[in-house]
Amino acid sequence: MAQRMVVLDTETTGMPVTDGHRIIEIGCVELIGRRLTGRHFHVYLQPDRESDEGAIGVHGITNEFLVGKPRFAEVADEFFEFIEGAQLIIHNAAFDVGFINNEFALMGQQHRADITQHCTILDTLLMARERHPGQRNSLDALCKRYGVDNSGRELHGALLDSEILADVYLTMTGGQTSLSLAGNATDGEGNGNANQGSEIRRLPADRALTRIIRASESELAEHVARLEAIAKSAGAPAMWVQLL
């Protein structure tokens, strides 16, 4: 069975968590078999305290906006069910995990106050630092490095950032994010958040093969250079090269 992954991000009233800061937004998107499923979890939360001005400047979520929003305790069960058993993909995981554990601890749910006991954690910040030492490895920097569109990210937002991070993670690890492999466009598979309109068109089996165009020497050289770039970025040769 394909591994279930949940790309997760939070926004908070400020930092650090030890100063009594709380989560005000959680955003998650689900991947199965390295494909977006379309399932997501997203909620704004009433933290019962005001956000720091610096934090509001980052995410734009005002104290007034959060009035009347649910408290973490009201959504805790639904949130836990969404992430339980998954591999959580988080950028700077120590920050988000610390805040999530704190929210469960404040509820007195000690059995959930360490989510590493219920999920595995993959920190894309640590992964990026290993692959690109000495370089900027913020989410925006990774978007620029890997060609991921983040033009809609004027402010931080948990759901938007989790969607962007999913694209970054799949690109960093050599995955495909937008190509539907469904043989029939109406079978419903792979609709989710993946780009639409990129389905494979199957040609008739009895079609006449009239012309074969072979790669030129310059094109073959460009292909080799591309494979070398992929290997350098991923830290290992492409899978199809390893199989040769």
Protein backbone atom coordinates (compact mmCIF):
# COMPACT_ATOMS: atom_id res chain seq x y z
CA MET A 1 0.00 0.00 0.00
CA ALA A 2 1.31 3.46 -0.91
CA GLN A 3 2.64 5.55 1.95
CA ARG A 4 0.32 8.22 3.31
CA MET A 5 1.95 11.62 3.82
CA VAL A 6 0.51 14.80 5.28
CA VAL A 7 2.19 18.11 4.49
CA LEU A 8 1.57 20.37 7.49
CA ASP A 9 2.04 24.00 8.49
CA THR A 10 0.87 26.19 11.37
CA GLU A 11 0.66 29.89 12.15
CA THR A 12 0.93 31.12 15.73
CA THR A 13 0.45 34.17 17.95
CA GLY A 14 4.23 34.49 18.13
CA MET A 15 7.20 32.60 19.48
CA PRO A 16 8.52 30.79 21.42
CA VAL A 17 5.89 28.37 22.66
CA THR A 18 7.40 28.59 26.15
CA ASP A 19 6.18 32.20 26.36
CA GLY A 20 2.58 31.01 26.17
CA HIS A 21 2.09 31.49 22.45
CA ARG A 22 -0.62 29.45 20.75
CA ILE A 23 -1.59 28.07 17.34
CA ILE A 24 -4.06 30.20 15.36
CA GLU A 25 -4.10 28.31 12.04
CA ILE A 26 -3.44 24.74 10.91
CA GLY A 27 -3.21 23.70 7.27
CA CYS A 28 -2.60 20.18 5.95
CA VAL A 29 -2.75 18.48 2.55
CA GLU A 30 -2.66 14.73 1.96
CA LEU A 31 -0.38 12.80 -0.39
CA ILE A 32 -0.76 9.10 -1.15
CA GLY A 33 1.72 7.44 -3.47
CA ARG A 34 3.35 10.86 -3.89
CA ARG A 35 0.18 12.30 -5.42
CA LEU A 36 -2.11 14.97 -3.99
CA THR A 37 -5.44 13.35 -3.11
CA GLY A 38 -7.48 16.54 -2.74
CA ARG A 39 -8.11 15.86 0.96
CA HIS A 40 -7.04 18.60 3.32
CA PHE A 41 -7.53 19.86 6.86
CA HIS A 42 -7.70 23.60 7.50
CA VAL A 43 -8.89 25.63 10.47
CA TYR A 44 -8.41 29.01 12.14
CA LEU A 45 -8.34 28.94 15.93
CA GLN A 46 -9.21 31.27 18.80
CA PRO A 47 -6.05 31.30 20.96
CA ASP A 48 -7.47 33.16 23.99
CA ARG A 49 -4.61 35.65 23.81
CA GLU A 50 -3.49 38.37 21.46
CA SER A 51 -0.94 37.85 18.71
CA ASP A 52 2.33 39.77 18.70
CA GLU A 53 2.48 42.61 16.18
CA GLY A 54 5.50 40.98 14.56
CA ALA A 55 3.57 37.74 14.04
CA ILE A 56 0.61 39.57 12.53
CA GLY A 57 3.03 41.24 10.13
CA VAL A 58 4.12 37.79 8.95
CA HIS A 59 0.76 36.04 8.54
CA GLY A 60 -1.74 38.92 8.49
CA ILE A 61 -4.18 37.14 10.82
CA THR A 62 -5.58 39.79 13.15
CA ASN A 63 -6.95 39.33 16.66
CA GLU A 64 -10.33 40.60 15.47
CA PHE A 65 -10.47 37.98 12.70
CA LEU A 66 -10.06 35.16 15.24
CA VAL A 67 -12.98 36.22 17.43
CA GLY A 68 -15.60 33.46 17.35
CA LYS A 69 -13.28 30.89 15.76
CA PRO A 70 -13.16 27.43 17.41
CA ARG A 71 -10.61 26.60 20.08
CA PHE A 72 -8.07 23.85 19.54
CA ALA A 73 -9.96 21.51 21.88
CA GLU A 74 -12.99 21.68 19.59
CA VAL A 75 -11.09 20.38 16.56
CA ALA A 76 -8.42 18.26 18.29
CA ASP A 77 -10.03 14.88 17.56
CA GLU A 78 -10.63 15.64 13.87
CA PHE A 79 -7.09 16.99 13.48
CA PHE A 80 -5.52 14.00 15.22
CA GLU A 81 -7.50 11.56 13.07
CA PHE A 82 -6.24 13.36 9.94
CA ILE A 83 -2.56 13.10 10.85
CA GLU A 84 -2.45 9.84 12.81
CA GLY A 85 -0.19 7.22 11.24
CA ALA A 86 1.01 9.49 8.47
CA GLN A 87 4.47 10.76 7.66
CA LEU A 88 4.31 14.47 8.42
CA ILE A 89 6.27 16.68 6.03
CA ILE A 90 7.04 19.97 7.74
CA HIS A 91 9.45 22.83 7.05
CA ASN A 92 11.27 23.53 10.33
CA ALA A 93 9.45 20.69 12.07
CA ALA A 94 10.69 21.45 15.59
CA PHE A 95 8.64 24.67 15.59
CA ASP A 96 5.32 23.17 14.46
CA VAL A 97 5.68 19.92 16.42
CA GLY A 98 6.46 21.86 19.60
CA PHE A 99 3.31 23.96 19.24
CA ILE A 100 1.09 20.97 18.39
CA ASN A 101 2.40 18.98 21.35
CA ASN A 102 1.76 21.99 23.59
CA GLU A 103 -1.86 22.28 22.45
CA PHE A 104 -2.56 18.63 23.28
CA ALA A 105 -0.74 18.99 26.61
CA LEU A 106 -2.86 22.03 27.55
CA MET A 107 -5.93 19.85 26.99
CA GLY A 108 -4.51 17.27 29.40
CA GLN A 109 -4.18 14.73 26.58
CA GLN A 110 -0.74 13.45 27.51
CA HIS A 111 -1.16 10.41 25.24
CA ARG A 112 -1.22 12.81 22.28
CA ALA A 113 1.28 15.34 23.64
CA ASP A 114 4.12 13.81 21.61
CA ILE A 115 2.93 13.36 18.04
CA THR A 116 6.18 11.63 17.13
CA GLN A 117 4.66 8.61 18.89
CA HIS A 118 1.81 8.59 16.36
CA CYS A 119 3.46 9.95 13.18
CA THR A 120 6.88 9.97 11.56
CA ILE A 121 8.39 13.37 10.85
CA LEU A 122 10.29 14.53 7.77
CA ASP A 123 11.81 18.01 8.14
CA THR A 124 12.31 19.59 4.71
CA LEU A 125 14.44 22.36 6.24
CA LEU A 126 16.98 19.81 7.48
CA MET A 127 16.79 18.02 4.12
CA ALA A 128 17.43 21.28 2.25
CA ARG A 129 20.36 22.20 4.51
CA GLU A 130 21.99 18.84 3.79
CA ARG A 131 21.56 19.28 0.04
CA HIS A 132 22.35 22.99 -0.14
CA PRO A 133 24.80 23.80 2.67
CA GLY A 134 25.60 27.46 3.15
CA GLN A 135 22.60 28.60 1.09
CA ARG A 136 19.27 30.14 2.07
CA ASN A 137 16.74 27.36 2.58
CA SER A 138 13.55 29.19 3.48
CA LEU A 139 10.40 28.04 1.72
CA ASP A 140 10.56 31.06 -0.59
CA ALA A 141 14.21 30.33 -1.40
CA LEU A 142 13.39 26.70 -2.21
CA CYS A 143 10.51 27.78 -4.45
CA LYS A 144 12.92 29.93 -6.44
CA ARG A 145 15.58 27.19 -6.55
CA TYR A 146 13.19 24.47 -7.72
CA GLY A 147 10.93 26.57 -9.93
CA VAL A 148 7.80 26.24 -7.77
CA ASP A 149 5.26 29.03 -8.27
CA ASN A 150 4.68 30.95 -5.02
CA SER A 151 3.43 34.15 -6.62
CA GLY A 152 0.27 34.04 -4.47
CA ARG A 153 2.28 34.03 -1.22
CA GLU A 154 2.30 37.67 -0.16
CA LEU A 155 1.82 36.61 3.47
CA HIS A 156 2.35 33.32 5.26
CA GLY A 157 -0.73 31.11 5.48
CA ALA A 158 -0.85 27.55 6.80
CA LEU A 159 -2.91 25.96 4.02
CA LEU A 160 -1.23 27.85 1.19
CA ASP A 161 2.22 27.13 2.62
CA SER A 162 1.43 23.42 3.00
CA GLU A 163 0.32 23.27 -0.65
CA ILE A 164 3.49 25.05 -1.76
CA LEU A 165 5.65 22.82 0.46
CA ALA A 166 4.05 19.73 -1.09
CA ASP A 167 5.19 20.92 -4.54
CA VAL A 168 8.67 21.74 -3.21
CA TYR A 169 9.02 18.36 -1.49
CA LEU A 170 7.94 16.40 -4.56
CA THR A 171 10.30 18.40 -6.76
CA MET A 172 13.20 18.08 -4.30
CA THR A 173 12.78 14.33 -4.20
CA GLY A 174 12.28 13.86 -7.92
CA GLY A 175 8.53 13.43 -7.92
CA GLN A 176 5.79 14.36 -10.38
CA THR A 177 3.17 16.82 -9.17
CA SER A 178 0.80 17.55 -12.06
CA LEU A 179 0.70 14.64 -14.52
CA SER A 180 -2.37 12.45 -14.22
CA LEU A 181 -1.62 8.81 -15.00
CA ALA A 182 -5.26 7.83 -15.27
CA GLY A 183 -6.13 6.11 -18.53
CA ASN A 184 -9.64 7.52 -18.41
CA ALA A 185 -10.21 11.17 -17.55
CA THR A 186 -13.64 10.36 -16.10
CA ASP A 187 -12.55 7.75 -13.56
CA GLY A 188 -12.10 10.44 -10.87
CA GLU A 189 -8.59 9.42 -9.89
CA GLY A 190 -6.02 12.11 -9.23
CA ASN A 191 -8.33 15.10 -9.41
CA GLY A 192 -7.40 16.58 -6.01
CA ASN A 193 -5.14 19.61 -6.13
CA ALA A 194 -3.11 18.37 -9.07
CA ASN A 195 -3.17 20.49 -12.22
CA GLN A 196 -5.95 19.53 -14.57
CA GLY A 197 -5.72 19.05 -18.32
CA SER A 198 -2.42 17.10 -18.33
CA GLU A 199 -3.88 13.64 -18.83
CA ILE A 200 -2.12 11.02 -20.95
CA ARG A 201 -3.77 10.48 -24.34
CA ARG A 202 -3.48 6.88 -25.47
CA LEU A 203 -3.01 6.33 -29.22
CA PRO A 204 -4.78 3.51 -31.06
CA ALA A 205 -2.90 0.22 -30.93
CA ASP A 206 -3.12 -0.21 -34.73
CA ARG A 207 -1.70 3.22 -35.56
CA ALA A 208 0.90 3.35 -38.34
CA LEU A 209 4.41 4.22 -37.18
CA THR A 210 5.69 6.20 -40.14
CA ARG A 211 8.68 8.12 -38.81
CA ILE A 212 11.33 7.75 -36.11
CA ILE A 213 13.23 10.87 -35.08
CA ARG A 214 16.45 10.07 -33.26
CA ALA A 215 18.20 12.48 -30.90
CA SER A 216 21.12 14.44 -32.29
CA GLU A 217 24.55 14.45 -30.63
CA SER A 218 23.89 17.89 -29.13
CA GLU A 219 20.52 16.73 -27.77
CA LEU A 220 22.12 13.63 -26.24
CA ALA A 221 24.76 15.85 -24.62
CA GLU A 222 22.02 18.08 -23.17
CA HIS A 223 20.25 14.97 -21.87
CA VAL A 224 23.41 13.80 -20.08
CA ALA A 225 23.91 17.26 -18.59
CA ARG A 226 20.32 17.25 -17.34
CA LEU A 227 20.78 13.86 -15.67
CA GLU A 228 23.93 15.14 -13.97
CA ALA A 229 22.02 18.19 -12.69
CA ILE A 230 19.26 15.97 -11.33
CA ALA A 231 21.80 13.75 -9.58
CA LYS A 232 23.52 16.77 -8.03
CA SER A 233 20.22 18.25 -6.82
CA ALA A 234 18.80 14.97 -5.48
CA GLY A 235 22.05 13.70 -4.01
CA ALA A 236 21.79 10.48 -6.05
CA PRO A 237 21.48 9.44 -9.71
CA ALA A 238 18.00 9.34 -11.20
CA MET A 239 16.24 6.02 -10.59
CA TRP A 240 16.21 5.02 -14.27
CA VAL A 241 19.98 5.57 -14.44
CA GLN A 242 20.51 3.32 -11.43
CA LEU A 243 18.54 0.58 -13.19
CA LEU A 244 20.83 0.57 -16.27
